[in-house]
């Protein structure tokens, strides 16, 4: 259903900078006022925990949390969540942010500011690269193609690059990251399709196209959203014929 997502919530409360730094956040200070305008929490190298960013926005602060759902819940983004997993994920994410920041973070009603809708297709090890080769011949209106050895990317034209389609060999991606043998074996023959909505505007446009009242997590992180986005992408790339 989904791979990497980001959820943002705005707060009017002041920050407890000492607590945030104690919990591992790295602050950035204004050269003019000396005040903190951003704090970032990254896990240790190789960790799969969410990336947390707290940014000043006029009188408020915005907490943004970004993570690969499968990597965090299951240890690898080879495994995609189902609807029950999404419910658990939103609960665990809310608790994670509250523990790290002291803020009550209600993830289900947070704005989606990144949404990678994802599906894997088991098409056979011998066919993956040949299908990718065929897809590199396609032209999609309003999108530029960016091919690479084991996949192809179609990125929207214009100044703001906020949406892209990725189609790639999951096996070769994991191989490049030195994944263990068990993951590599499971990834053989998998063609991954990923529709990336990369910021707040793209997620909002998606919600409007689906006639949702807003682009919060409750509405967008659903089987209905995933199904409609993937079906539309498959028609665009004529994937149904493979």
C-alpha atoms as a PDB file:
ATOM      1  CA  UNK A   1       0.000   0.000   0.000  1.00  0.00           C
ATOM      2  CA  UNK A   2       2.452   2.664   1.172  1.00  0.00           C
ATOM      3  CA  UNK A   3       6.176   3.099   1.628  1.00  0.00           C
ATOM      4  CA  UNK A   4       7.543   6.431   2.901  1.00  0.00           C
ATOM      5  CA  UNK A   5       5.144   8.973   4.368  1.00  0.00           C
ATOM      6  CA  UNK A   6       5.407  12.307   6.154  1.00  0.00           C
ATOM      7  CA  UNK A   7       2.820  13.795   8.525  1.00  0.00           C
ATOM      8  CA  UNK A   8       2.836  17.386   9.802  1.00  0.00           C
ATOM      9  CA  UNK A   9       0.969  19.145  12.611  1.00  0.00           C
ATOM     10  CA  UNK A  10       1.126  22.823  13.621  1.00  0.00           C
ATOM     11  CA  UNK A  11       1.444  23.847  17.285  1.00  0.00           C
ATOM     12  CA  UNK A  12       1.094  27.226  19.015  1.00  0.00           C
ATOM     13  CA  UNK A  13       2.911  26.090  22.168  1.00  0.00           C
ATOM     14  CA  UNK A  14       6.429  27.231  22.962  1.00  0.00           C
ATOM     15  CA  UNK A  15       9.227  24.673  22.711  1.00  0.00           C
ATOM     16  CA  UNK A  16      11.086  23.051  25.565  1.00  0.00           C
ATOM     17  CA  UNK A  17      14.414  23.235  23.757  1.00  0.00           C
ATOM     18  CA  UNK A  18      16.355  21.648  26.622  1.00  0.00           C
ATOM     19  CA  UNK A  19      14.090  18.569  26.590  1.00  0.00           C
ATOM     20  CA  UNK A  20      14.307  18.278  22.821  1.00  0.00           C
ATOM     21  CA  UNK A  21      18.097  18.507  22.831  1.00  0.00           C
ATOM     22  CA  UNK A  22      18.243  15.988  25.668  1.00  0.00           C
ATOM     23  CA  UNK A  23      16.182  13.612  23.524  1.00  0.00           C
ATOM     24  CA  UNK A  24      18.631  13.909  20.652  1.00  0.00           C
ATOM     25  CA  UNK A  25      17.318  16.826  18.575  1.00  0.00           C
ATOM     26  CA  UNK A  26      19.926  19.049  16.953  1.00  0.00           C
ATOM     27  CA  UNK A  27      18.967  22.746  17.052  1.00  0.00           C
ATOM     28  CA  UNK A  28      19.634  25.452  14.461  1.00  0.00           C
ATOM     29  CA  UNK A  29      19.839  29.059  15.692  1.00  0.00           C
ATOM     30  CA  UNK A  30      19.030  32.321  13.920  1.00  0.00           C
ATOM     31  CA  UNK A  31      22.144  34.408  13.240  1.00  0.00           C
ATOM     32  CA  UNK A  32      19.999  37.513  13.831  1.00  0.00           C
ATOM     33  CA  UNK A  33      18.064  36.734  17.014  1.00  0.00           C
ATOM     34  CA  UNK A  34      19.910  33.760  18.450  1.00  0.00           C
ATOM     35  CA  UNK A  35      16.608  31.911  18.789  1.00  0.00           C
ATOM     36  CA  UNK A  36      16.009  28.345  17.711  1.00  0.00           C
ATOM     37  CA  UNK A  37      14.206  28.191  14.360  1.00  0.00           C
ATOM     38  CA  UNK A  38      14.560  24.465  13.647  1.00  0.00           C
ATOM     39  CA  UNK A  39      15.347  21.198  15.410  1.00  0.00           C
ATOM     40  CA  UNK A  40      16.032  17.891  13.692  1.00  0.00           C
ATOM     41  CA  UNK A  41      16.082  14.386  15.116  1.00  0.00           C
ATOM     42  CA  UNK A  42      17.708  11.674  13.017  1.00  0.00           C
ATOM     43  CA  UNK A  43      18.240   8.134  14.165  1.00  0.00           C
ATOM     44  CA  UNK A  44      21.707   6.656  14.259  1.00  0.00           C
ATOM     45  CA  UNK A  45      23.239   5.638  10.950  1.00  0.00           C
ATOM     46  CA  UNK A  46      21.358   2.630   9.625  1.00  0.00           C
ATOM     47  CA  UNK A  47      18.458   3.167  12.045  1.00  0.00           C
ATOM     48  CA  UNK A  48      14.925   2.991  10.682  1.00  0.00           C
ATOM     49  CA  UNK A  49      13.263   5.332  13.172  1.00  0.00           C
ATOM     50  CA  UNK A  50      11.276   8.350  11.942  1.00  0.00           C
ATOM     51  CA  UNK A  51      13.062  11.586  11.057  1.00  0.00           C
ATOM     52  CA  UNK A  52      11.620  14.422  13.104  1.00  0.00           C
ATOM     53  CA  UNK A  53      11.795  18.094  12.094  1.00  0.00           C
ATOM     54  CA  UNK A  54      10.417  21.001  14.129  1.00  0.00           C
ATOM     55  CA  UNK A  55      10.337  24.282  12.200  1.00  0.00           C
ATOM     56  CA  UNK A  56       9.316  27.820  13.082  1.00  0.00           C
ATOM     57  CA  UNK A  57       6.359  29.084  11.035  1.00  0.00           C
ATOM     58  CA  UNK A  58       5.381  32.654  11.986  1.00  0.00           C
ATOM     59  CA  UNK A  59       3.944  32.356  15.505  1.00  0.00           C
ATOM     60  CA  UNK A  60       3.653  28.573  15.428  1.00  0.00           C
ATOM     61  CA  UNK A  61       5.887  25.544  15.123  1.00  0.00           C
ATOM     62  CA  UNK A  62       5.326  22.696  12.689  1.00  0.00           C
ATOM     63  CA  UNK A  63       6.293  19.174  13.667  1.00  0.00           C
ATOM     64  CA  UNK A  64       6.958  16.979  10.663  1.00  0.00           C
ATOM     65  CA  UNK A  65       7.706  13.279  11.004  1.00  0.00           C
ATOM     66  CA  UNK A  66       8.869  11.207   8.030  1.00  0.00           C
ATOM     67  CA  UNK A  67       9.475   7.462   7.864  1.00  0.00           C
ATOM     68  CA  UNK A  68       9.288   4.344   5.732  1.00  0.00           C
ATOM     69  CA  UNK A  69       6.412   2.443   7.318  1.00  0.00           C
ATOM     70  CA  UNK A  70       7.631  -1.014   6.381  1.00  0.00           C
ATOM     71  CA  UNK A  71      11.237  -0.351   7.369  1.00  0.00           C
ATOM     72  CA  UNK A  72      10.175   0.920  10.802  1.00  0.00           C
ATOM     73  CA  UNK A  73       7.492  -1.657  11.583  1.00  0.00           C
ATOM     74  CA  UNK A  74       9.008  -4.730   9.936  1.00  0.00           C
ATOM     75  CA  UNK A  75      12.717  -3.952   9.644  1.00  0.00           C
ATOM     76  CA  UNK A  76      12.666  -3.646   5.832  1.00  0.00           C
ATOM     77  CA  UNK A  77      10.679  -1.677   3.257  1.00  0.00           C
ATOM     78  CA  UNK A  78      10.490  -4.872   1.231  1.00  0.00           C
ATOM     79  CA  UNK A  79       7.374  -5.522   3.321  1.00  0.00           C
ATOM     80  CA  UNK A  80       4.416  -3.199   2.716  1.00  0.00           C
ATOM     81  CA  UNK A  81       1.738  -2.546   5.372  1.00  0.00           C
ATOM     82  CA  UNK A  82      -1.919  -3.503   5.107  1.00  0.00           C
ATOM     83  CA  UNK A  83      -4.866  -1.589   6.578  1.00  0.00           C
ATOM     84  CA  UNK A  84      -4.492  -3.095  10.050  1.00  0.00           C
ATOM     85  CA  UNK A  85      -0.804  -2.217  10.039  1.00  0.00           C
ATOM     86  CA  UNK A  86      -1.655   1.401   9.191  1.00  0.00           C
ATOM     87  CA  UNK A  87      -3.827   1.721  12.293  1.00  0.00           C
ATOM     88  CA  UNK A  88      -1.016   0.366  14.456  1.00  0.00           C
ATOM     89  CA  UNK A  89       1.506   2.593  12.690  1.00  0.00           C
ATOM     90  CA  UNK A  90      -0.444   5.799  13.377  1.00  0.00           C
ATOM     91  CA  UNK A  91      -0.777   4.895  17.046  1.00  0.00           C
ATOM     92  CA  UNK A  92       2.914   4.027  17.428  1.00  0.00           C
ATOM     93  CA  UNK A  93       3.923   7.162  15.536  1.00  0.00           C
ATOM     94  CA  UNK A  94       1.802   9.387  17.787  1.00  0.00           C
ATOM     95  CA  UNK A  95       3.430   7.872  20.863  1.00  0.00           C
ATOM     96  CA  UNK A  96       6.914   8.172  19.362  1.00  0.00           C
ATOM     97  CA  UNK A  97       6.558  11.908  18.690  1.00  0.00           C
ATOM     98  CA  UNK A  98       5.018  12.559  22.089  1.00  0.00           C
ATOM     99  CA  UNK A  99       7.855  10.720  23.841  1.00  0.00           C
ATOM    100  CA  UNK A 100      10.529  12.601  21.892  1.00  0.00           C
ATOM    101  CA  UNK A 101       8.989  16.087  22.039  1.00  0.00           C
ATOM    102  CA  UNK A 102       6.471  16.258  24.859  1.00  0.00           C
ATOM    103  CA  UNK A 103       3.784  17.324  22.370  1.00  0.00           C
ATOM    104  CA  UNK A 104       0.511  15.466  21.989  1.00  0.00           C
ATOM    105  CA  UNK A 105       0.798  14.387  18.348  1.00  0.00           C
ATOM    106  CA  UNK A 106      -2.436  12.998  16.905  1.00  0.00           C
ATOM    107  CA  UNK A 107      -1.081  11.400  13.728  1.00  0.00           C
ATOM    108  CA  UNK A 108      -4.448  10.349  12.209  1.00  0.00           C
ATOM    109  CA  UNK A 109      -5.550  13.986  11.845  1.00  0.00           C
ATOM    110  CA  UNK A 110      -2.143  15.300  10.766  1.00  0.00           C
ATOM    111  CA  UNK A 111      -1.632  16.653   7.237  1.00  0.00           C
ATOM    112  CA  UNK A 112       0.056  14.308   4.807  1.00  0.00           C
ATOM    113  CA  UNK A 113       3.097  16.142   3.436  1.00  0.00           C
ATOM    114  CA  UNK A 114       4.555  13.128   1.647  1.00  0.00           C
ATOM    115  CA  UNK A 115       2.855   9.978   0.450  1.00  0.00           C
ATOM    116  CA  UNK A 116       4.500   7.177  -1.523  1.00  0.00           C
ATOM    117  CA  UNK A 117       1.758   4.859  -2.769  1.00  0.00           C
ATOM    118  CA  UNK A 118       3.382   1.514  -3.548  1.00  0.00           C
ATOM    119  CA  UNK A 119       2.631  -1.927  -4.950  1.00  0.00           C
ATOM    120  CA  UNK A 120       4.832  -4.893  -5.830  1.00  0.00           C
ATOM    121  CA  UNK A 121       4.187  -7.213  -8.760  1.00  0.00           C
ATOM    122  CA  UNK A 122       5.713 -10.692  -8.867  1.00  0.00           C
ATOM    123  CA  UNK A 123       6.383 -11.084 -12.577  1.00  0.00           C
ATOM    124  CA  UNK A 124       9.294 -13.509 -12.596  1.00  0.00           C
ATOM    125  CA  UNK A 125      13.000 -12.897 -12.265  1.00  0.00           C
ATOM    126  CA  UNK A 126      13.696 -13.219 -15.995  1.00  0.00           C
ATOM    127  CA  UNK A 127      11.130 -10.583 -17.000  1.00  0.00           C
ATOM    128  CA  UNK A 128      11.806  -7.638 -14.677  1.00  0.00           C
ATOM    129  CA  UNK A 129      14.577  -5.902 -16.600  1.00  0.00           C
ATOM    130  CA  UNK A 130      12.985  -6.565 -19.987  1.00  0.00           C
ATOM    131  CA  UNK A 131       9.751  -4.893 -18.869  1.00  0.00           C
ATOM    132  CA  UNK A 132      11.692  -1.926 -17.499  1.00  0.00           C
ATOM    133  CA  UNK A 133      13.435  -1.660 -20.863  1.00  0.00           C
ATOM    134  CA  UNK A 134      10.051  -1.469 -22.592  1.00  0.00           C
ATOM    135  CA  UNK A 135       8.803   1.159 -20.133  1.00  0.00           C
ATOM    136  CA  UNK A 136      11.769   3.363 -20.971  1.00  0.00           C
ATOM    137  CA  UNK A 137      10.258   3.782 -24.447  1.00  0.00           C
ATOM    138  CA  UNK A 138       7.099   5.378 -23.022  1.00  0.00           C
ATOM    139  CA  UNK A 139       6.359   9.088 -22.990  1.00  0.00           C
ATOM    140  CA  UNK A 140       3.935  10.404 -20.369  1.00  0.00           C
ATOM    141  CA  UNK A 141       2.344  13.840 -20.999  1.00  0.00           C
ATOM    142  CA  UNK A 142       3.635  16.553 -18.622  1.00  0.00           C
ATOM    143  CA  UNK A 143       6.345  14.245 -17.221  1.00  0.00           C
ATOM    144  CA  UNK A 144      10.058  13.975 -17.943  1.00  0.00           C
ATOM    145  CA  UNK A 145      11.644  10.543 -17.998  1.00  0.00           C
ATOM    146  CA  UNK A 146      14.771   9.829 -15.929  1.00  0.00           C
ATOM    147  CA  UNK A 147      15.933   6.281 -16.717  1.00  0.00           C
ATOM    148  CA  UNK A 148      18.600   4.336 -14.858  1.00  0.00           C
ATOM    149  CA  UNK A 149      20.017   0.818 -15.189  1.00  0.00           C
ATOM    150  CA  UNK A 150      17.386  -1.124 -13.232  1.00  0.00           C
ATOM    151  CA  UNK A 151      14.442   1.244 -13.222  1.00  0.00           C
ATOM    152  CA  UNK A 152      12.798   4.317 -14.654  1.00  0.00           C
ATOM    153  CA  UNK A 153      11.456   7.518 -13.101  1.00  0.00           C
ATOM    154  CA  UNK A 154       8.869   9.910 -14.550  1.00  0.00           C
ATOM    155  CA  UNK A 155       8.983  13.319 -12.847  1.00  0.00           C
ATOM    156  CA  UNK A 156       6.442  16.103 -13.329  1.00  0.00           C
ATOM    157  CA  UNK A 157       7.527  19.076 -15.410  1.00  0.00           C
ATOM    158  CA  UNK A 158       7.537  22.612 -14.057  1.00  0.00           C
ATOM    159  CA  UNK A 159       9.430  24.464 -11.342  1.00  0.00           C
ATOM    160  CA  UNK A 160       8.030  22.470  -8.421  1.00  0.00           C
ATOM    161  CA  UNK A 161       8.981  18.807  -8.671  1.00  0.00           C
ATOM    162  CA  UNK A 162       6.291  17.431  -6.402  1.00  0.00           C
ATOM    163  CA  UNK A 163       5.184  14.165  -7.997  1.00  0.00           C
ATOM    164  CA  UNK A 164       6.929  11.260  -9.645  1.00  0.00           C
ATOM    165  CA  UNK A 165       6.396   7.674 -10.736  1.00  0.00           C
ATOM    166  CA  UNK A 166       9.105   5.108 -10.018  1.00  0.00           C
ATOM    167  CA  UNK A 167       9.161   1.631 -11.543  1.00  0.00           C
ATOM    168  CA  UNK A 168      12.138  -0.497 -10.621  1.00  0.00           C
ATOM    169  CA  UNK A 169      13.563  -3.884  -9.777  1.00  0.00           C
ATOM    170  CA  UNK A 170      13.245  -4.355  -6.037  1.00  0.00           C
ATOM    171  CA  UNK A 171      15.899  -7.058  -6.091  1.00  0.00           C
ATOM    172  CA  UNK A 172      18.499  -4.785  -7.670  1.00  0.00           C
ATOM    173  CA  UNK A 173      17.651  -1.930  -5.297  1.00  0.00           C
ATOM    174  CA  UNK A 174      18.227  -4.165  -2.279  1.00  0.00           C
ATOM    175  CA  UNK A 175      21.361  -5.601  -3.864  1.00  0.00           C
ATOM    176  CA  UNK A 176      22.819  -2.085  -4.142  1.00  0.00           C
ATOM    177  CA  UNK A 177      22.137  -1.600  -0.416  1.00  0.00           C
ATOM    178  CA  UNK A 178      23.855  -4.863   0.579  1.00  0.00           C
ATOM    179  CA  UNK A 179      20.651  -6.415   1.924  1.00  0.00           C
ATOM    180  CA  UNK A 180      20.889  -9.843   3.491  1.00  0.00           C
ATOM    181  CA  UNK A 181      20.363 -13.027   1.491  1.00  0.00           C
ATOM    182  CA  UNK A 182      16.879 -13.712   2.846  1.00  0.00           C
ATOM    183  CA  UNK A 183      15.618 -10.299   1.671  1.00  0.00           C
ATOM    184  CA  UNK A 184      17.274 -10.691  -1.711  1.00  0.00           C
ATOM    185  CA  UNK A 185      15.653 -14.079  -2.213  1.00  0.00           C
ATOM    186  CA  UNK A 186      12.207 -12.667  -1.435  1.00  0.00           C
ATOM    187  CA  UNK A 187      12.778  -9.713  -3.782  1.00  0.00           C
ATOM    188  CA  UNK A 188      13.618 -11.787  -6.856  1.00  0.00           C
ATOM    189  CA  UNK A 189      11.092 -11.193  -9.617  1.00  0.00           C
ATOM    190  CA  UNK A 190       9.491  -8.172  -7.917  1.00  0.00           C
ATOM    191  CA  UNK A 191       8.688  -5.115 -10.001  1.00  0.00           C
ATOM    192  CA  UNK A 192       7.898  -2.208  -7.684  1.00  0.00           C
ATOM    193  CA  UNK A 193       5.606   0.632  -8.739  1.00  0.00           C
ATOM    194  CA  UNK A 194       5.747   3.722  -6.563  1.00  0.00           C
ATOM    195  CA  UNK A 195       3.732   6.909  -6.996  1.00  0.00           C
ATOM    196  CA  UNK A 196       5.401   9.593  -4.913  1.00  0.00           C
ATOM    197  CA  UNK A 197       3.460  12.653  -3.773  1.00  0.00           C
ATOM    198  CA  UNK A 198       6.404  14.579  -2.425  1.00  0.00           C
ATOM    199  CA  UNK A 199       4.992  17.562  -0.540  1.00  0.00           C
ATOM    200  CA  UNK A 200       1.945  19.202   1.005  1.00  0.00           C
ATOM    201  CA  UNK A 201       0.599  20.552  -2.297  1.00  0.00           C
ATOM    202  CA  UNK A 202       0.840  17.219  -4.086  1.00  0.00           C
ATOM    203  CA  UNK A 203      -0.914  15.402  -1.218  1.00  0.00           C
ATOM    204  CA  UNK A 204      -3.613  18.081  -1.156  1.00  0.00           C
ATOM    205  CA  UNK A 205      -4.144  17.771  -4.919  1.00  0.00           C
ATOM    206  CA  UNK A 206      -4.487  14.014  -4.553  1.00  0.00           C
ATOM    207  CA  UNK A 207      -7.149  14.411  -1.860  1.00  0.00           C
ATOM    208  CA  UNK A 208      -9.073  16.854  -4.046  1.00  0.00           C
ATOM    209  CA  UNK A 209      -8.922  14.504  -7.035  1.00  0.00           C
ATOM    210  CA  UNK A 210     -10.397  11.748  -4.862  1.00  0.00           C
ATOM    211  CA  UNK A 211     -13.028  14.163  -3.480  1.00  0.00           C
ATOM    212  CA  UNK A 212     -11.814  13.821   0.110  1.00  0.00           C
ATOM    213  CA  UNK A 213     -12.612  16.731   2.489  1.00  0.00           C
ATOM    214  CA  UNK A 214      -8.921  17.204   3.343  1.00  0.00           C
ATOM    215  CA  UNK A 215      -5.532  15.526   3.066  1.00  0.00           C
ATOM    216  CA  UNK A 216      -5.113  14.208   6.585  1.00  0.00           C
ATOM    217  CA  UNK A 217      -3.774  10.742   7.351  1.00  0.00           C
ATOM    218  CA  UNK A 218      -7.226   9.362   8.159  1.00  0.00           C
ATOM    219  CA  UNK A 219      -8.368   9.996   4.596  1.00  0.00           C
ATOM    220  CA  UNK A 220      -5.256   9.306   2.549  1.00  0.00           C
ATOM    221  CA  UNK A 221      -3.730   6.293   4.320  1.00  0.00           C
ATOM    222  CA  UNK A 222      -6.465   3.920   3.196  1.00  0.00           C
ATOM    223  CA  UNK A 223      -6.879   0.925   0.911  1.00  0.00           C
ATOM    224  CA  UNK A 224      -9.245   3.021  -1.229  1.00  0.00           C
ATOM    225  CA  UNK A 225      -6.566   5.658  -1.854  1.00  0.00           C
ATOM    226  CA  UNK A 226      -3.917   3.070  -2.622  1.00  0.00           C
ATOM    227  CA  UNK A 227      -6.164   1.174  -5.013  1.00  0.00           C
ATOM    228  CA  UNK A 228      -7.228   4.229  -7.003  1.00  0.00           C
ATOM    229  CA  UNK A 229      -3.714   5.669  -7.288  1.00  0.00           C
ATOM    230  CA  UNK A 230      -2.166   2.374  -8.368  1.00  0.00           C
ATOM    231  CA  UNK A 231      -4.952   1.600 -10.857  1.00  0.00           C
ATOM    232  CA  UNK A 232      -4.508   5.024 -12.432  1.00  0.00           C
ATOM    233  CA  UNK A 233      -0.736   4.530 -12.656  1.00  0.00           C
ATOM    234  CA  UNK A 234      -1.112   1.078 -14.197  1.00  0.00           C
ATOM    235  CA  UNK A 235      -3.344   2.523 -16.903  1.00  0.00           C
ATOM    236  CA  UNK A 236      -0.855   5.333 -17.559  1.00  0.00           C
ATOM    237  CA  UNK A 237       2.011   2.911 -17.996  1.00  0.00           C
ATOM    238  CA  UNK A 238      -0.047   0.177 -19.687  1.00  0.00           C
ATOM    239  CA  UNK A 239       1.199  -2.200 -16.981  1.00  0.00           C
ATOM    240  CA  UNK A 240      -1.914  -4.330 -17.257  1.00  0.00           C
ATOM    241  CA  UNK A 241      -0.545  -5.919 -20.449  1.00  0.00           C
ATOM    242  CA  UNK A 242       2.538  -7.358 -18.741  1.00  0.00           C
END
